[in-house]
């Protein structure tokens, strides 16, 4: 799950950075101040996640598997995504 969450956070950060540079998107996301707060929160989560991956000797990397932008690993409902990431159970 950690590798999925890392990929999810990478995509989330890219989306937030895009929001930050597009006024209409920033407004739709609650305003530029809110987007900046979300960016700081996501960056903090990414640092913590990378520390946990390092502690477990996992090497996060970009994979061709897609992520479900609205779902964290424990919530993924798409069976093809679950299978691609090995999220069984």
N, C-alpha and C. Protein backbone atom coordinates (compact mmCIF):
# COMPACT_ATOMS: atom_id res chain seq x y z
N UNK A 1 0.81 -1.19 0.00
CA UNK A 1 0.00 0.00 0.00
C UNK A 1 0.85 1.26 0.00
N UNK A 2 2.01 1.21 0.63
CA UNK A 2 2.84 2.40 0.73
C UNK A 2 3.28 2.91 -0.64
N UNK A 3 3.60 2.01 -1.54
CA UNK A 3 4.03 2.44 -2.87
C UNK A 3 2.88 3.06 -3.65
N UNK A 4 1.68 2.52 -3.49
CA UNK A 4 0.49 3.12 -4.10
C UNK A 4 0.28 4.52 -3.53
N UNK A 5 0.35 4.65 -2.22
CA UNK A 5 0.13 5.95 -1.59
C UNK A 5 1.18 6.96 -2.05
N UNK A 6 2.43 6.53 -2.24
CA UNK A 6 3.47 7.43 -2.73
C UNK A 6 3.11 7.93 -4.13
N UNK A 7 2.69 7.02 -5.00
CA UNK A 7 2.30 7.41 -6.37
C UNK A 7 1.08 8.33 -6.32
N UNK A 8 0.14 8.03 -5.44
CA UNK A 8 -1.06 8.85 -5.29
C UNK A 8 -0.68 10.26 -4.85
N UNK A 9 0.22 10.35 -3.88
CA UNK A 9 0.65 11.66 -3.39
C UNK A 9 1.41 12.44 -4.46
N UNK A 10 2.22 11.76 -5.25
CA UNK A 10 2.92 12.43 -6.34
C UNK A 10 1.91 13.04 -7.31
N UNK A 11 0.90 12.28 -7.67
CA UNK A 11 -0.13 12.79 -8.58
C UNK A 11 -0.90 13.94 -7.94
N UNK A 12 -1.22 13.79 -6.66
CA UNK A 12 -1.94 14.83 -5.93
C UNK A 12 -1.14 16.13 -5.90
N UNK A 13 0.16 16.03 -5.65
CA UNK A 13 1.02 17.22 -5.65
C UNK A 13 1.05 17.88 -7.02
N UNK A 14 1.14 17.08 -8.06
CA UNK A 14 1.13 17.64 -9.42
C UNK A 14 -0.18 18.37 -9.69
N UNK A 15 -1.28 17.78 -9.26
CA UNK A 15 -2.59 18.41 -9.45
C UNK A 15 -2.66 19.73 -8.68
N UNK A 16 -2.18 19.74 -7.45
CA UNK A 16 -2.20 20.96 -6.65
C UNK A 16 -1.29 22.04 -7.25
N UNK A 17 -0.14 21.64 -7.77
CA UNK A 17 0.76 22.60 -8.40
C UNK A 17 0.12 23.20 -9.65
N UNK A 18 -0.62 22.40 -10.39
CA UNK A 18 -1.35 22.90 -11.55
C UNK A 18 -2.43 23.88 -11.09
N UNK A 19 -3.14 23.53 -10.02
CA UNK A 19 -4.16 24.41 -9.45
C UNK A 19 -3.55 25.75 -9.06
N UNK A 20 -2.37 25.69 -8.50
CA UNK A 20 -1.69 26.88 -8.01
C UNK A 20 -1.40 27.86 -9.15
N UNK A 21 -1.18 27.35 -10.35
CA UNK A 21 -0.82 28.21 -11.48
C UNK A 21 -2.01 28.58 -12.35
N UNK A 22 -3.18 28.06 -12.04
CA UNK A 22 -4.38 28.32 -12.82
C UNK A 22 -5.43 28.94 -11.91
N UNK A 23 -5.71 30.22 -12.13
CA UNK A 23 -6.62 30.95 -11.25
C UNK A 23 -7.99 30.32 -11.12
N UNK A 24 -8.57 29.87 -12.24
CA UNK A 24 -9.90 29.27 -12.19
C UNK A 24 -9.89 27.97 -11.40
N UNK A 25 -8.85 27.17 -11.58
CA UNK A 25 -8.76 25.92 -10.84
C UNK A 25 -8.56 26.19 -9.34
N UNK A 26 -7.74 27.18 -9.03
CA UNK A 26 -7.50 27.54 -7.63
C UNK A 26 -8.80 27.98 -6.97
N UNK A 27 -9.60 28.78 -7.67
CA UNK A 27 -10.88 29.22 -7.13
C UNK A 27 -11.80 28.03 -6.89
N UNK A 28 -11.85 27.12 -7.85
CA UNK A 28 -12.70 25.94 -7.72
C UNK A 28 -12.26 25.05 -6.55
N UNK A 29 -10.98 25.11 -6.22
CA UNK A 29 -10.43 24.29 -5.13
C UNK A 29 -10.49 25.01 -3.78
N UNK A 30 -11.11 26.18 -3.74
CA UNK A 30 -11.25 26.88 -2.46
C UNK A 30 -10.38 28.10 -2.32
N UNK A 31 -9.73 28.51 -3.38
CA UNK A 31 -8.87 29.70 -3.33
C UNK A 31 -7.40 29.35 -3.21
N UNK A 32 -6.57 30.31 -3.59
CA UNK A 32 -5.12 30.05 -3.64
C UNK A 32 -4.54 29.78 -2.26
N UNK A 33 -5.06 30.44 -1.22
CA UNK A 33 -4.55 30.18 0.13
C UNK A 33 -4.85 28.73 0.55
N UNK A 34 -6.04 28.26 0.22
CA UNK A 34 -6.40 26.87 0.55
C UNK A 34 -5.53 25.89 -0.23
N UNK A 35 -5.29 26.17 -1.50
CA UNK A 35 -4.43 25.32 -2.31
C UNK A 35 -3.03 25.28 -1.72
N UNK A 36 -2.51 26.43 -1.28
CA UNK A 36 -1.18 26.47 -0.66
C UNK A 36 -1.14 25.64 0.62
N UNK A 37 -2.20 25.68 1.41
CA UNK A 37 -2.27 24.87 2.63
C UNK A 37 -2.29 23.38 2.29
N UNK A 38 -3.05 23.04 1.25
CA UNK A 38 -3.10 21.64 0.82
C UNK A 38 -1.74 21.17 0.32
N UNK A 39 -1.03 22.05 -0.37
CA UNK A 39 0.31 21.70 -0.85
C UNK A 39 1.25 21.43 0.32
N UNK A 40 1.23 22.30 1.31
CA UNK A 40 2.09 22.10 2.48
C UNK A 40 1.74 20.79 3.20
N UNK A 41 0.47 20.52 3.33
CA UNK A 41 0.03 19.28 3.98
C UNK A 41 0.49 18.06 3.19
N UNK A 42 0.31 18.10 1.87
CA UNK A 42 0.70 16.97 1.03
C UNK A 42 2.21 16.76 1.05
N UNK A 43 2.97 17.85 1.04
CA UNK A 43 4.43 17.73 1.10
C UNK A 43 4.87 17.12 2.42
N UNK A 44 4.21 17.50 3.52
CA UNK A 44 4.53 16.90 4.82
C UNK A 44 4.20 15.42 4.85
N UNK A 45 3.07 15.05 4.26
CA UNK A 45 2.70 13.64 4.19
C UNK A 45 3.69 12.86 3.35
N UNK A 46 4.13 13.47 2.26
CA UNK A 46 5.09 12.80 1.39
C UNK A 46 6.42 12.57 2.11
N UNK A 47 6.87 13.54 2.87
CA UNK A 47 8.11 13.37 3.64
C UNK A 47 7.98 12.23 4.64
N UNK A 48 6.87 12.18 5.34
CA UNK A 48 6.65 11.11 6.31
C UNK A 48 6.57 9.75 5.63
N UNK A 49 5.90 9.72 4.49
CA UNK A 49 5.76 8.47 3.74
C UNK A 49 7.11 8.00 3.22
N UNK A 50 7.91 8.93 2.71
CA UNK A 50 9.24 8.55 2.21
C UNK A 50 10.13 8.05 3.35
N UNK A 51 10.00 8.63 4.53
CA UNK A 51 10.77 8.15 5.69
C UNK A 51 10.34 6.73 6.05
N UNK A 52 9.05 6.46 6.01
CA UNK A 52 8.55 5.11 6.30
C UNK A 52 9.01 4.12 5.24
N UNK A 53 8.99 4.53 3.98
CA UNK A 53 9.48 3.65 2.91
C UNK A 53 10.95 3.33 3.11
N UNK A 54 11.73 4.34 3.48
CA UNK A 54 13.15 4.12 3.71
C UNK A 54 13.37 3.16 4.88
N UNK A 55 12.58 3.31 5.93
CA UNK A 55 12.69 2.43 7.09
C UNK A 55 12.37 0.99 6.73
N UNK A 56 11.51 0.81 5.74
CA UNK A 56 11.12 -0.54 5.31
C UNK A 56 11.90 -1.01 4.08
N UNK A 57 12.89 -0.24 3.69
CA UNK A 57 13.74 -0.55 2.54
C UNK A 57 12.92 -0.68 1.25
N UNK A 58 11.94 0.20 1.08
CA UNK A 58 11.14 0.26 -0.14
C UNK A 58 11.63 1.41 -0.99
N UNK A 59 11.63 1.23 -2.29
CA UNK A 59 12.09 2.27 -3.22
C UNK A 59 10.92 2.79 -4.04
N UNK A 60 10.27 3.88 -3.60
CA UNK A 60 9.17 4.43 -4.38
C UNK A 60 9.66 4.87 -5.75
N UNK A 61 8.84 4.61 -6.76
CA UNK A 61 9.17 5.04 -8.11
C UNK A 61 7.90 5.13 -8.93
N UNK A 62 7.99 5.89 -10.00
CA UNK A 62 6.84 6.01 -10.90
C UNK A 62 6.65 4.69 -11.63
N UNK A 63 5.42 4.20 -11.64
CA UNK A 63 5.08 2.98 -12.35
C UNK A 63 4.00 3.30 -13.37
N UNK A 64 3.83 2.43 -14.33
CA UNK A 64 2.83 2.65 -15.37
C UNK A 64 1.41 2.44 -14.86
N UNK A 65 1.26 1.86 -13.68
CA UNK A 65 -0.08 1.62 -13.13
C UNK A 65 -0.75 2.95 -12.80
N UNK A 66 -2.03 3.03 -13.08
CA UNK A 66 -2.76 4.24 -12.75
C UNK A 66 -3.19 4.22 -11.29
N UNK A 67 -3.52 5.39 -10.78
CA UNK A 67 -4.07 5.51 -9.43
C UNK A 67 -5.46 6.12 -9.54
N UNK A 68 -6.27 5.89 -8.56
CA UNK A 68 -7.61 6.48 -8.50
C UNK A 68 -7.50 7.75 -7.68
N UNK A 69 -7.60 8.90 -8.34
CA UNK A 69 -7.32 10.17 -7.67
C UNK A 69 -8.19 10.42 -6.44
N UNK A 70 -9.38 9.88 -6.41
CA UNK A 70 -10.26 10.08 -5.27
C UNK A 70 -10.18 9.02 -4.21
N UNK A 71 -9.28 8.06 -4.36
CA UNK A 71 -9.24 6.93 -3.43
C UNK A 71 -7.82 6.59 -2.98
N UNK A 72 -7.64 6.56 -1.68
CA UNK A 72 -6.38 6.07 -1.13
C UNK A 72 -6.35 4.55 -1.28
N UNK A 73 -5.21 3.96 -1.05
CA UNK A 73 -5.02 2.52 -1.30
C UNK A 73 -6.06 1.66 -0.61
N UNK A 74 -6.41 1.99 0.61
CA UNK A 74 -7.37 1.17 1.35
C UNK A 74 -8.77 1.28 0.79
N UNK A 75 -9.03 2.30 -0.08
CA UNK A 75 -10.37 2.55 -0.59
C UNK A 75 -10.56 2.17 -2.06
N UNK A 76 -9.50 1.80 -2.75
CA UNK A 76 -9.58 1.57 -4.19
C UNK A 76 -10.63 0.52 -4.51
N UNK A 77 -11.60 0.92 -5.32
CA UNK A 77 -12.69 0.01 -5.66
C UNK A 77 -12.52 -0.61 -7.05
N UNK A 78 -11.68 -0.02 -7.88
CA UNK A 78 -11.47 -0.54 -9.23
C UNK A 78 -10.61 -1.79 -9.15
N UNK A 79 -11.16 -2.93 -9.57
CA UNK A 79 -10.45 -4.20 -9.44
C UNK A 79 -9.17 -4.24 -10.28
N UNK A 80 -9.16 -3.60 -11.45
CA UNK A 80 -7.94 -3.59 -12.28
C UNK A 80 -6.81 -2.82 -11.59
N UNK A 81 -7.14 -1.71 -10.96
CA UNK A 81 -6.13 -0.94 -10.22
C UNK A 81 -5.66 -1.74 -9.01
N UNK A 82 -6.58 -2.35 -8.30
CA UNK A 82 -6.20 -3.16 -7.12
C UNK A 82 -5.24 -4.27 -7.53
N UNK A 83 -5.55 -4.94 -8.64
CA UNK A 83 -4.70 -6.03 -9.09
C UNK A 83 -3.34 -5.53 -9.55
N UNK A 84 -3.30 -4.43 -10.31
CA UNK A 84 -2.03 -3.90 -10.81
C UNK A 84 -1.09 -3.52 -9.68
N UNK A 85 -1.64 -2.99 -8.58
CA UNK A 85 -0.82 -2.57 -7.46
C UNK A 85 -0.65 -3.65 -6.40
N UNK A 86 -1.29 -4.79 -6.58
CA UNK A 86 -1.18 -5.86 -5.60
C UNK A 86 -1.94 -5.57 -4.33
N UNK A 87 -3.01 -4.78 -4.44
CA UNK A 87 -3.82 -4.43 -3.27
C UNK A 87 -4.91 -5.48 -3.11
N UNK A 88 -4.52 -6.59 -2.59
CA UNK A 88 -5.46 -7.70 -2.42
C UNK A 88 -5.89 -7.80 -0.97
N UNK A 89 -7.03 -8.35 -0.77
CA UNK A 89 -7.51 -8.54 0.60
C UNK A 89 -8.67 -7.68 0.93
